[in-house]
Amino acid sequence: MRDGDGWVVNGQKIWTTLAGDADWIFMLVRTRKTGKKQEGISFLLVPMDTAGVTVRPILNLDMQDEFSEVFFDDVRVPLENLVGEVDQGWTMAKALLGFERIFLGSPRQAGNALAGLRRLAAHVGHNNDPVFRDRYAQLLLDLCDHEALYETAADQLRRGEQLGPEVSLLKLNQSELFQKSPT
């Protein structure tokens, strides 16, 4: 909510990656209640040491706190911390998600896993096993398909084009390929 020379934010965000280590957080906040929901969201940047910001770690099975829940209690945010236009934050969020999908969809992680699988197979003497070779060849072909999809999206960015929703396939594809390549 706008209040004089700033915004006052109340709410919470869960599954915030590395919030305990962050200096800043971006928030998508509701700044208008009428019209389409996506048009009433604004994009704010907030220092994590701002009064009213509380980080509560979420421990995973490894007892690591990679994720956190972040609470905002009457957090005052200066007007100049608005990124872009008021009520146009959803457009910026979609662009950020596209870049995140490109980053997380990189074939490098799956490629490294496949290289590790190859080394492990050599170490235990399975490189000449026909079942292993067939499965490994299929994984390599899947990786080549993924690399082509990745390059298509990267070329769009190089040309300055907007990424469409299909960029989400990169992260999904990459995750599935990585899971198929245990090391």
N, C-alpha and C. Protein backbone atom coordinates (compact mmCIF):
# COMPACT_ATOMS: atom_id res chain seq x y z
N MET A 1 0.85 -1.16 0.00
CA MET A 1 0.00 0.00 0.00
C MET A 1 0.91 1.24 0.00
N ARG A 2 0.55 2.22 -0.82
CA ARG A 2 1.32 3.45 -0.85
C ARG A 2 0.96 4.31 0.36
N ASP A 3 2.01 4.88 0.96
CA ASP A 3 1.81 5.70 2.15
C ASP A 3 2.81 6.85 2.10
N GLY A 4 2.37 8.01 1.65
CA GLY A 4 3.23 9.19 1.59
C GLY A 4 4.42 8.99 0.68
N ASP A 5 5.62 9.00 1.27
CA ASP A 5 6.86 8.92 0.49
C ASP A 5 7.35 7.48 0.29
N GLY A 6 6.46 6.52 0.46
CA GLY A 6 6.90 5.13 0.29
C GLY A 6 5.74 4.16 0.23
N TRP A 7 6.11 2.91 0.33
CA TRP A 7 5.17 1.81 0.33
C TRP A 7 5.25 1.14 1.69
N VAL A 8 4.14 0.62 2.16
CA VAL A 8 4.13 -0.18 3.38
C VAL A 8 3.71 -1.59 2.97
N VAL A 9 4.55 -2.55 3.30
CA VAL A 9 4.33 -3.92 2.86
C VAL A 9 4.11 -4.82 4.07
N ASN A 10 3.06 -5.64 3.97
CA ASN A 10 2.76 -6.67 4.96
C ASN A 10 2.50 -7.97 4.22
N GLY A 11 3.03 -9.06 4.74
CA GLY A 11 2.79 -10.35 4.12
C GLY A 11 3.96 -11.28 4.35
N GLN A 12 4.03 -12.31 3.53
CA GLN A 12 5.13 -13.26 3.66
C GLN A 12 5.41 -13.91 2.32
N LYS A 13 6.62 -14.43 2.20
CA LYS A 13 7.06 -15.15 1.01
C LYS A 13 7.74 -16.42 1.50
N ILE A 14 7.35 -17.54 0.92
CA ILE A 14 7.92 -18.81 1.36
C ILE A 14 8.79 -19.40 0.25
N TRP A 15 9.69 -20.30 0.63
CA TRP A 15 10.61 -20.96 -0.28
C TRP A 15 11.51 -19.96 -0.99
N THR A 16 11.98 -18.98 -0.23
CA THR A 16 12.89 -17.98 -0.77
C THR A 16 14.30 -18.54 -0.70
N THR A 17 14.90 -18.76 -1.85
CA THR A 17 16.22 -19.38 -1.93
C THR A 17 17.29 -18.44 -1.38
N LEU A 18 18.10 -18.95 -0.46
CA LEU A 18 19.25 -18.25 0.13
C LEU A 18 18.89 -16.90 0.77
N ALA A 19 17.69 -16.77 1.27
CA ALA A 19 17.28 -15.50 1.90
C ALA A 19 18.16 -15.15 3.09
N GLY A 20 18.63 -16.16 3.81
CA GLY A 20 19.48 -15.91 4.97
C GLY A 20 20.82 -15.30 4.62
N ASP A 21 21.23 -15.42 3.36
CA ASP A 21 22.51 -14.88 2.91
C ASP A 21 22.35 -13.60 2.09
N ALA A 22 21.11 -13.26 1.77
CA ALA A 22 20.85 -12.15 0.84
C ALA A 22 20.95 -10.79 1.51
N ASP A 23 21.36 -9.80 0.73
CA ASP A 23 21.35 -8.41 1.18
C ASP A 23 20.07 -7.70 0.74
N TRP A 24 19.48 -8.17 -0.37
CA TRP A 24 18.28 -7.57 -0.93
C TRP A 24 17.29 -8.66 -1.30
N ILE A 25 16.03 -8.28 -1.42
CA ILE A 25 15.00 -9.18 -1.90
C ILE A 25 14.12 -8.39 -2.86
N PHE A 26 13.63 -9.06 -3.89
CA PHE A 26 12.62 -8.39 -4.72
C PHE A 26 11.27 -8.95 -4.33
N MET A 27 10.29 -8.11 -4.40
CA MET A 27 8.94 -8.49 -4.02
C MET A 27 7.96 -8.08 -5.11
N LEU A 28 7.01 -8.95 -5.36
CA LEU A 28 5.87 -8.61 -6.20
C LEU A 28 4.74 -8.32 -5.22
N VAL A 29 4.29 -7.08 -5.20
CA VAL A 29 3.29 -6.68 -4.21
C VAL A 29 2.03 -6.17 -4.90
N ARG A 30 0.91 -6.44 -4.28
CA ARG A 30 -0.37 -5.96 -4.79
C ARG A 30 -0.46 -4.46 -4.51
N THR A 31 -0.59 -3.67 -5.58
CA THR A 31 -0.69 -2.22 -5.43
C THR A 31 -2.02 -1.69 -5.97
N ARG A 32 -2.83 -2.58 -6.53
CA ARG A 32 -4.17 -2.18 -6.98
C ARG A 32 -5.08 -3.39 -6.87
N LYS A 33 -6.29 -3.17 -6.35
CA LYS A 33 -7.21 -4.29 -6.13
C LYS A 33 -8.24 -4.42 -7.24
N THR A 34 -8.32 -3.46 -8.15
CA THR A 34 -9.31 -3.52 -9.22
C THR A 34 -8.66 -3.94 -10.53
N GLY A 35 -9.48 -4.40 -11.48
CA GLY A 35 -8.97 -4.80 -12.78
C GLY A 35 -8.37 -6.19 -12.74
N LYS A 36 -7.65 -6.54 -13.79
CA LYS A 36 -6.99 -7.85 -13.86
C LYS A 36 -5.96 -7.96 -12.75
N LYS A 37 -5.89 -9.13 -12.14
CA LYS A 37 -4.94 -9.33 -11.04
C LYS A 37 -3.51 -9.04 -11.44
N GLN A 38 -3.12 -9.45 -12.66
CA GLN A 38 -1.74 -9.26 -13.09
C GLN A 38 -1.40 -7.78 -13.28
N GLU A 39 -2.39 -6.95 -13.50
CA GLU A 39 -2.13 -5.53 -13.72
C GLU A 39 -2.00 -4.75 -12.41
N GLY A 40 -2.33 -5.37 -11.30
CA GLY A 40 -2.26 -4.67 -10.03
C GLY A 40 -1.10 -5.09 -9.16
N ILE A 41 0.00 -5.50 -9.80
CA ILE A 41 1.19 -5.95 -9.07
C ILE A 41 2.36 -5.04 -9.42
N SER A 42 3.12 -4.66 -8.40
CA SER A 42 4.31 -3.84 -8.61
C SER A 42 5.54 -4.59 -8.10
N PHE A 43 6.69 -4.20 -8.61
CA PHE A 43 7.97 -4.86 -8.34
C PHE A 43 8.80 -3.94 -7.46
N LEU A 44 9.10 -4.37 -6.25
CA LEU A 44 9.88 -3.57 -5.31
C LEU A 44 11.18 -4.27 -4.94
N LEU A 45 12.23 -3.48 -4.71
CA LEU A 45 13.50 -3.98 -4.18
C LEU A 45 13.62 -3.51 -2.73
N VAL A 46 13.98 -4.44 -1.85
CA VAL A 46 14.02 -4.13 -0.42
C VAL A 46 15.29 -4.68 0.20
N PRO A 47 16.05 -3.84 0.93
CA PRO A 47 17.20 -4.38 1.68
C PRO A 47 16.70 -5.33 2.77
N MET A 48 17.40 -6.43 2.95
CA MET A 48 16.98 -7.43 3.93
C MET A 48 17.10 -6.96 5.37
N ASP A 49 17.88 -5.89 5.60
CA ASP A 49 18.01 -5.39 6.96
C ASP A 49 16.99 -4.29 7.28
N THR A 50 15.99 -4.12 6.43
CA THR A 50 14.94 -3.14 6.68
C THR A 50 14.10 -3.58 7.87
N ALA A 51 13.73 -2.62 8.72
CA ALA A 51 12.89 -2.92 9.88
C ALA A 51 11.61 -3.61 9.41
N GLY A 52 11.25 -4.69 10.11
CA GLY A 52 10.04 -5.43 9.78
C GLY A 52 10.25 -6.64 8.90
N VAL A 53 11.48 -6.82 8.36
CA VAL A 53 11.78 -8.00 7.55
C VAL A 53 12.36 -9.07 8.48
N THR A 54 11.73 -10.23 8.50
CA THR A 54 12.18 -11.35 9.34
C THR A 54 12.35 -12.58 8.47
N VAL A 55 13.49 -13.23 8.61
CA VAL A 55 13.79 -14.45 7.84
C VAL A 55 13.75 -15.64 8.80
N ARG A 56 12.96 -16.64 8.41
CA ARG A 56 12.90 -17.87 9.20
C ARG A 56 13.35 -19.02 8.30
N PRO A 57 14.51 -19.64 8.61
CA PRO A 57 15.03 -20.73 7.77
C PRO A 57 14.08 -21.94 7.76
N ILE A 58 14.06 -22.62 6.63
CA ILE A 58 13.34 -23.89 6.49
C ILE A 58 14.41 -24.96 6.28
N LEU A 59 14.53 -25.86 7.24
CA LEU A 59 15.55 -26.90 7.14
C LEU A 59 15.07 -28.03 6.23
N ASN A 60 15.96 -28.49 5.35
CA ASN A 60 15.63 -29.62 4.49
C ASN A 60 16.06 -30.92 5.17
N LEU A 61 15.93 -32.04 4.48
CA LEU A 61 16.29 -33.33 5.07
C LEU A 61 17.76 -33.42 5.46
N ASP A 62 18.61 -32.64 4.78
CA ASP A 62 20.04 -32.59 5.10
C ASP A 62 20.34 -31.61 6.22
N MET A 63 19.30 -31.03 6.80
CA MET A 63 19.41 -30.02 7.85
C MET A 63 20.12 -28.76 7.34
N GLN A 64 19.97 -28.49 6.04
CA GLN A 64 20.49 -27.27 5.43
C GLN A 64 19.35 -26.27 5.32
N ASP A 65 19.69 -25.00 5.34
CA ASP A 65 18.65 -23.96 5.27
C ASP A 65 18.75 -23.16 3.97
N GLU A 66 18.76 -23.87 2.85
CA GLU A 66 18.85 -23.21 1.55
C GLU A 66 17.62 -22.33 1.31
N PHE A 67 16.48 -22.73 1.85
CA PHE A 67 15.24 -21.98 1.66
C PHE A 67 14.81 -21.36 2.98
N SER A 68 14.03 -20.29 2.85
CA SER A 68 13.52 -19.61 4.03
C SER A 68 12.11 -19.09 3.77
N GLU A 69 11.46 -18.76 4.85
CA GLU A 69 10.21 -18.04 4.81
C GLU A 69 10.54 -16.62 5.26
N VAL A 70 10.06 -15.64 4.52
CA VAL A 70 10.38 -14.25 4.84
C VAL A 70 9.07 -13.53 5.18
N PHE A 71 9.07 -12.82 6.30
CA PHE A 71 7.89 -12.11 6.77
C PHE A 71 8.12 -10.61 6.64
N PHE A 72 7.08 -9.90 6.28
CA PHE A 72 7.12 -8.45 6.12
C PHE A 72 6.03 -7.84 6.99
N ASP A 73 6.45 -7.15 8.04
CA ASP A 73 5.51 -6.54 8.99
C ASP A 73 5.70 -5.03 8.99
N ASP A 74 4.77 -4.35 8.31
CA ASP A 74 4.83 -2.88 8.18
C ASP A 74 6.19 -2.41 7.67
N VAL A 75 6.70 -3.10 6.67
CA VAL A 75 7.99 -2.75 6.08
C VAL A 75 7.81 -1.51 5.21
N ARG A 76 8.59 -0.47 5.50
CA ARG A 76 8.53 0.77 4.73
C ARG A 76 9.58 0.71 3.62
N VAL A 77 9.11 0.92 2.39
CA VAL A 77 9.97 0.86 1.22
C VAL A 77 9.89 2.20 0.51
N PRO A 78 11.02 2.86 0.28
CA PRO A 78 11.00 4.16 -0.43
C PRO A 78 10.44 4.03 -1.83
N LEU A 79 9.80 5.09 -2.31
CA LEU A 79 9.21 5.10 -3.65
C LEU A 79 10.24 4.78 -4.73
N GLU A 80 11.48 5.20 -4.52
CA GLU A 80 12.51 4.97 -5.55
C GLU A 80 12.92 3.49 -5.66
N ASN A 81 12.45 2.64 -4.75
CA ASN A 81 12.76 1.22 -4.83
C ASN A 81 11.76 0.46 -5.71
N LEU A 82 10.84 1.20 -6.32
CA LEU A 82 9.95 0.61 -7.31
C LEU A 82 10.74 0.40 -8.59
N VAL A 83 10.65 -0.80 -9.16
CA VAL A 83 11.32 -1.09 -10.42
C VAL A 83 10.26 -1.06 -11.51
N GLY A 84 10.48 -0.23 -12.52
CA GLY A 84 9.50 -0.12 -13.60
C GLY A 84 8.34 0.77 -13.18
N GLU A 85 7.18 0.47 -13.72
CA GLU A 85 5.98 1.27 -13.48
C GLU A 85 5.11 0.64 -12.39
N VAL A 86 4.37 1.46 -11.71
CA VAL A 86 3.39 0.97 -10.74
C VAL A 86 2.39 0.08 -11.48
N ASP A 87 2.05 -1.03 -10.87
CA ASP A 87 1.07 -2.00 -11.39
C ASP A 87 1.56 -2.77 -12.62
N GLN A 88 2.82 -2.66 -12.98
CA GLN A 88 3.36 -3.38 -14.14
C GLN A 88 4.43 -4.40 -13.75
N GLY A 89 4.45 -4.79 -12.48
CA GLY A 89 5.47 -5.73 -12.00
C GLY A 89 5.35 -7.12 -12.57
N TRP A 90 4.14 -7.52 -12.96
CA TRP A 90 3.96 -8.87 -13.51
C TRP A 90 4.75 -9.03 -14.81
N THR A 91 4.80 -7.98 -15.61
CA THR A 91 5.56 -8.02 -16.86
C THR A 91 7.04 -8.26 -16.56
N MET A 92 7.56 -7.57 -15.55
CA MET A 92 8.96 -7.76 -15.17
C MET A 92 9.18 -9.16 -14.61
N ALA A 93 8.23 -9.65 -13.82
CA ALA A 93 8.37 -10.98 -13.23
C ALA A 93 8.42 -12.05 -14.31
N LYS A 94 7.59 -11.92 -15.34
CA LYS A 94 7.61 -12.90 -16.43
C LYS A 94 8.96 -12.89 -17.14
N ALA A 95 9.53 -11.70 -17.33
CA ALA A 95 10.85 -11.61 -17.97
C ALA A 95 11.91 -12.29 -17.09
N LEU A 96 11.85 -12.03 -15.78
CA LEU A 96 12.81 -12.66 -14.86
C LEU A 96 12.68 -14.18 -14.88
N LEU A 97 11.44 -14.67 -14.91
CA LEU A 97 11.23 -16.11 -14.95
C LEU A 97 11.83 -16.71 -16.22
N GLY A 98 11.69 -16.00 -17.32
CA GLY A 98 12.28 -16.47 -18.57
C GLY A 98 13.79 -16.60 -18.46
N PHE A 99 14.44 -15.60 -17.87
CA PHE A 99 15.89 -15.66 -17.70
C PHE A 99 16.28 -16.76 -16.71
N GLU A 100 15.46 -16.95 -15.68
CA GLU A 100 15.73 -18.02 -14.73
C GLU A 100 15.64 -19.38 -15.43
N ARG A 101 14.66 -19.55 -16.30
CA ARG A 101 14.50 -20.81 -17.02
C ARG A 101 15.70 -21.06 -17.93
N ILE A 102 16.22 -19.98 -18.54
CA ILE A 102 17.42 -20.13 -19.37
C ILE A 102 18.60 -20.58 -18.50
N PHE A 103 18.76 -19.94 -17.36
CA PHE A 103 19.87 -20.28 -16.46
C PHE A 103 19.73 -21.71 -15.95
N LEU A 104 18.55 -22.05 -15.41
CA LEU A 104 18.34 -23.38 -14.85
C LEU A 104 18.20 -24.46 -15.91
N GLY A 105 17.89 -24.04 -17.14
CA GLY A 105 17.71 -24.99 -18.22
C GLY A 105 18.98 -25.28 -19.00
N SER A 106 20.09 -24.75 -18.54
CA SER A 106 21.35 -24.99 -19.24
C SER A 106 21.66 -26.49 -19.31
N PRO A 107 22.06 -26.96 -20.47
CA PRO A 107 22.40 -28.39 -20.59
C PRO A 107 23.69 -28.77 -19.88
N ARG A 108 24.38 -27.82 -19.34
CA ARG A 108 25.68 -28.09 -18.71
C ARG A 108 25.55 -29.07 -17.54
N GLN A 109 24.53 -28.90 -16.70
CA GLN A 109 24.38 -29.78 -15.53
C GLN A 109 24.16 -31.23 -15.96
N ALA A 110 23.26 -31.45 -16.91
CA ALA A 110 23.02 -32.81 -17.39
C ALA A 110 24.26 -33.35 -18.11
N GLY A 111 24.95 -32.50 -18.85
CA GLY A 111 26.18 -32.92 -19.52
C GLY A 111 27.23 -33.37 -18.53
N ASN A 112 27.37 -32.63 -17.44
CA ASN A 112 28.33 -33.03 -16.40
C ASN A 112 27.93 -34.35 -15.75
N ALA A 113 26.63 -34.54 -15.53
CA ALA A 113 26.16 -35.79 -14.93
C ALA A 113 26.44 -36.97 -15.87
N LEU A 114 26.23 -36.76 -17.16
CA LEU A 114 26.51 -37.83 -18.12
C LEU A 114 28.01 -38.16 -18.17
N ALA A 115 28.83 -37.14 -18.10
CA ALA A 115 30.28 -37.37 -18.08
C ALA A 115 30.66 -38.16 -16.84
N GLY A 116 30.05 -37.83 -15.71
CA GLY A 116 30.31 -38.58 -14.48
C GLY A 116 29.84 -40.02 -14.58
N LEU A 117 28.69 -40.21 -15.23
CA LEU A 117 28.18 -41.57 -15.42
C LEU A 117 29.15 -42.37 -16.29
N ARG A 118 29.67 -41.75 -17.31
CA ARG A 118 30.63 -42.43 -18.20
C ARG A 118 31.89 -42.83 -17.42
N ARG A 119 32.39 -41.91 -16.58
CA ARG A 119 33.58 -42.22 -15.78
C ARG A 119 33.29 -43.37 -14.80
N LEU A 120 32.13 -43.35 -14.18
CA LEU A 120 31.75 -44.40 -13.24
C LEU A 120 31.65 -45.74 -13.97
N ALA A 121 31.03 -45.75 -15.13
CA ALA A 121 30.91 -47.00 -15.91
C ALA A 121 32.29 -47.54 -16.27
N ALA A 122 33.19 -46.66 -16.64
CA ALA A 122 34.55 -47.10 -16.97
C ALA A 122 35.24 -47.68 -15.74
N HIS A 123 35.03 -47.03 -14.61
CA HIS A 123 35.66 -47.46 -13.36
C HIS A 123 35.18 -48.86 -12.93
N VAL A 124 33.90 -49.15 -13.12
CA VAL A 124 33.37 -50.44 -12.70
C VAL A 124 33.31 -51.45 -13.84
N GLY A 125 33.83 -51.07 -15.01
CA GLY A 125 33.93 -51.99 -16.13
C GLY A 125 32.65 -52.21 -16.92
N HIS A 126 31.77 -51.23 -16.97
CA HIS A 126 30.51 -51.39 -17.70
C HIS A 126 30.50 -50.70 -19.06
N ASN A 127 31.59 -50.08 -19.46
CA ASN A 127 31.60 -49.34 -20.73
C ASN A 127 31.25 -50.22 -21.92
N ASN A 128 31.59 -51.51 -21.89
CA ASN A 128 31.31 -52.39 -23.02
C ASN A 128 30.02 -53.19 -22.85
N ASP A 129 29.32 -52.98 -21.76
CA ASP A 129 28.04 -53.67 -21.54
C ASP A 129 27.01 -53.12 -22.53
N PRO A 130 26.39 -53.98 -23.35
CA PRO A 130 25.47 -53.49 -24.37
C PRO A 130 24.26 -52.77 -23.80
N VAL A 131 23.77 -53.19 -22.66
CA VAL A 131 22.62 -52.51 -22.04
C VAL A 131 23.03 -51.10 -21.62
N PHE A 132 24.19 -51.00 -20.98
CA PHE A 132 24.68 -49.68 -20.58
C PHE A 132 24.89 -48.80 -21.81
N ARG A 133 25.54 -49.33 -22.83
CA ARG A 133 25.84 -48.53 -24.03
C ARG A 133 24.57 -48.03 -24.71
N ASP A 134 23.53 -48.87 -24.78
CA ASP A 134 22.26 -48.44 -25.39
C ASP A 134 21.62 -47.32 -24.56
N ARG A 135 21.62 -47.53 -23.27
CA ARG A 135 21.01 -46.52 -22.39
C ARG A 135 21.80 -45.21 -22.43
N TYR A 136 23.11 -45.33 -22.41
CA TYR A 136 23.96 -44.14 -22.46
C TYR A 136 23.78 -43.40 -23.79
N ALA A 137 23.70 -44.14 -24.88
CA ALA A 137 23.49 -43.52 -26.20
C ALA A 137 22.17 -42.76 -26.22
N GLN A 138 21.11 -43.33 -25.62
CA GLN A 138 19.82 -42.64 -25.58
C GLN A 138 19.92 -41.36 -24.76
N LEU A 139 20.63 -41.42 -23.65
CA LEU A 139 20.82 -40.22 -22.83
C LEU A 139 21.58 -39.14 -23.60
N LEU A 140 22.60 -39.55 -24.36
CA LEU A 140 23.34 -38.58 -25.18
C LEU A 140 22.44 -37.94 -26.23
N LEU A 141 21.57 -38.73 -26.85
CA LEU A 141 20.64 -38.18 -27.83
C LEU A 141 19.65 -37.21 -27.17
N ASP A 142 19.18 -37.57 -25.98
CA ASP A 142 18.29 -36.67 -25.24
C ASP A 142 19.01 -35.36 -24.91
N LEU A 143 20.29 -35.47 -24.55
CA LEU A 143 21.07 -34.26 -24.26
C LEU A 143 21.22 -33.41 -25.52
N CYS A 144 21.47 -34.03 -26.66
CA CYS A 144 21.58 -33.28 -27.92
C CYS A 144 20.27 -32.55 -28.24
N ASP A 145 19.14 -33.22 -28.03
CA ASP A 145 17.84 -32.57 -28.23
C ASP A 145 17.69 -31.36 -27.31
N HIS A 146 18.08 -31.55 -26.06
CA HIS A 146 17.97 -30.47 -25.09
C HIS A 146 18.89 -29.30 -25.46
N GLU A 147 20.09 -29.61 -25.89
CA GLU A 147 21.02 -28.55 -26.31
C GLU A 147 20.44 -27.75 -27.47
N ALA A 148 19.77 -28.41 -28.40
CA ALA A 148 19.16 -27.71 -29.54
C ALA A 148 18.03 -26.79 -29.06
N LEU A 149 17.21 -27.28 -28.13
CA LEU A 149 16.14 -26.46 -27.57
C LEU A 149 16.72 -25.25 -26.84
N TYR A 150 17.77 -25.49 -26.08
CA TYR A 150 18.44 -24.42 -25.34
C TYR A 150 18.99 -23.36 -26.30
N GLU A 151 19.64 -23.80 -27.35
CA GLU A 151 20.22 -22.85 -28.32
C GLU A 151 19.15 -22.03 -29.01
N THR A 152 17.99 -22.63 -29.27
CA THR A 152 16.88 -21.88 -29.87
C THR A 152 16.48 -20.71 -28.97
N ALA A 153 16.33 -20.98 -27.67
CA ALA A 153 15.97 -19.92 -26.72
C ALA A 153 17.10 -18.90 -26.59
N ALA A 154 18.34 -19.38 -26.53
CA ALA A 154 19.48 -18.46 -26.42
C ALA A 154 19.57 -17.56 -27.65
N ASP A 155 19.30 -18.11 -28.83
CA ASP A 155 19.31 -17.30 -30.05
C ASP A 155 18.23 -16.22 -30.01
N GLN A 156 17.06 -16.55 -29.46
CA GLN A 156 16.01 -15.55 -29.30
C GLN A 156 16.51 -14.38 -28.46
N LEU A 157 17.18 -14.70 -27.36
CA LEU A 157 17.72 -13.65 -26.50
C LEU A 157 18.78 -12.83 -27.22
N ARG A 158 19.64 -13.49 -27.96
CA ARG A 158 20.70 -12.78 -28.69
C ARG A 158 20.11 -11.80 -29.70
N ARG A 159 18.96 -12.15 -30.27
CA ARG A 159 18.29 -11.27 -31.23
C ARG A 159 17.45 -10.20 -30.54
N GLY A 160 17.41 -10.24 -29.20
CA GLY A 160 16.64 -9.25 -28.45
C GLY A 160 15.15 -9.54 -28.42
N GLU A 161 14.77 -10.77 -28.72
CA GLU A 161 13.36 -11.14 -28.72
C GLU A 161 12.90 -11.54 -27.32
N GLN A 162 11.60 -11.43 -27.09
CA GLN A 162 11.00 -11.86 -25.83
C GLN A 162 10.91 -13.38 -25.81
N LEU A 163 11.15 -13.96 -24.66
CA LEU A 163 10.98 -15.39 -24.50
C LEU A 163 9.52 -15.68 -24.21
N GLY A 164 8.99 -16.71 -24.82
CA GLY A 164 7.61 -17.11 -24.59
C GLY A 164 7.51 -18.13 -23.48
N PRO A 165 6.30 -18.57 -23.19
CA PRO A 165 6.11 -19.53 -22.10
C PRO A 165 6.79 -20.87 -22.37
N GLU A 166 7.10 -21.16 -23.63
CA GLU A 166 7.75 -22.43 -23.94
C GLU A 166 9.15 -22.54 -23.34
N VAL A 167 9.72 -21.42 -22.89
CA VAL A 167 11.04 -21.47 -22.26
C VAL A 167 10.99 -22.29 -20.97
N SER A 168 9.80 -22.43 -20.39
CA SER A 168 9.65 -23.26 -19.18
C SER A 168 10.02 -24.72 -19.45
N LEU A 169 9.92 -25.14 -20.70
CA LEU A 169 10.29 -26.51 -21.05
C LEU A 169 11.77 -26.78 -20.79
N LEU A 170 12.58 -25.73 -20.86
CA LEU A 170 14.02 -25.92 -20.63
C LEU A 170 14.30 -26.46 -19.23
N LYS A 171 13.71 -25.83 -18.24
CA LYS A 171 13.95 -26.27 -16.87
C LYS A 171 13.40 -27.68 -16.66
N LEU A 172 12.21 -27.93 -17.17
CA LEU A 172 11.61 -29.25 -17.04
C LEU A 172 12.45 -30.31 -17.74
N ASN A 173 12.83 -30.03 -18.97
CA ASN A 173 13.65 -30.95 -19.75
C ASN A 173 14.98 -31.23 -19.05
N GLN A 174 15.61 -30.16 -18.60
CA GLN A 174 16.92 -30.27 -17.95
C GLN A 174 16.80 -31.11 -16.69
N SER A 175 15.78 -30.87 -15.88
CA SER A 175 15.60 -31.62 -14.63
C SER A 175 15.39 -33.10 -14.90
N GLU A 176 14.55 -33.41 -15.89
CA GLU A 176 14.29 -34.81 -16.22
C GLU A 176 15.55 -35.50 -16.74
N LEU A 177 16.29 -34.81 -17.59
CA LEU A 177 17.51 -35.40 -18.13
C LEU A 177 18.54 -35.62 -17.02
N PHE A 178 18.66 -34.67 -16.12
CA PHE A 178 19.60 -34.81 -15.01
C PHE A 178 19.22 -36.01 -14.14
N GLN A 179 17.92 -36.18 -13.90
CA GLN A 179 17.46 -37.31 -13.07
C GLN A 179 17.73 -38.66 -13.75
N LYS A 180 17.69 -38.69 -15.06
CA LYS A 180 17.94 -39.93 -15.80
C LYS A 180 19.43 -40.28 -15.81
N SER A 181 20.30 -39.35 -15.39
CA SER A 181 21.75 -39.53 -15.49
C SER A 181 22.38 -39.60 -14.10
N PRO A 182 22.04 -40.60 -13.30
CA PRO A 182 22.61 -40.65 -11.94
C PRO A 182 24.11 -40.84 -11.96
N THR A 183 24.76 -40.17 -11.01
CA THR A 183 26.22 -40.36 -10.90
C THR A 183 26.55 -40.88 -9.53
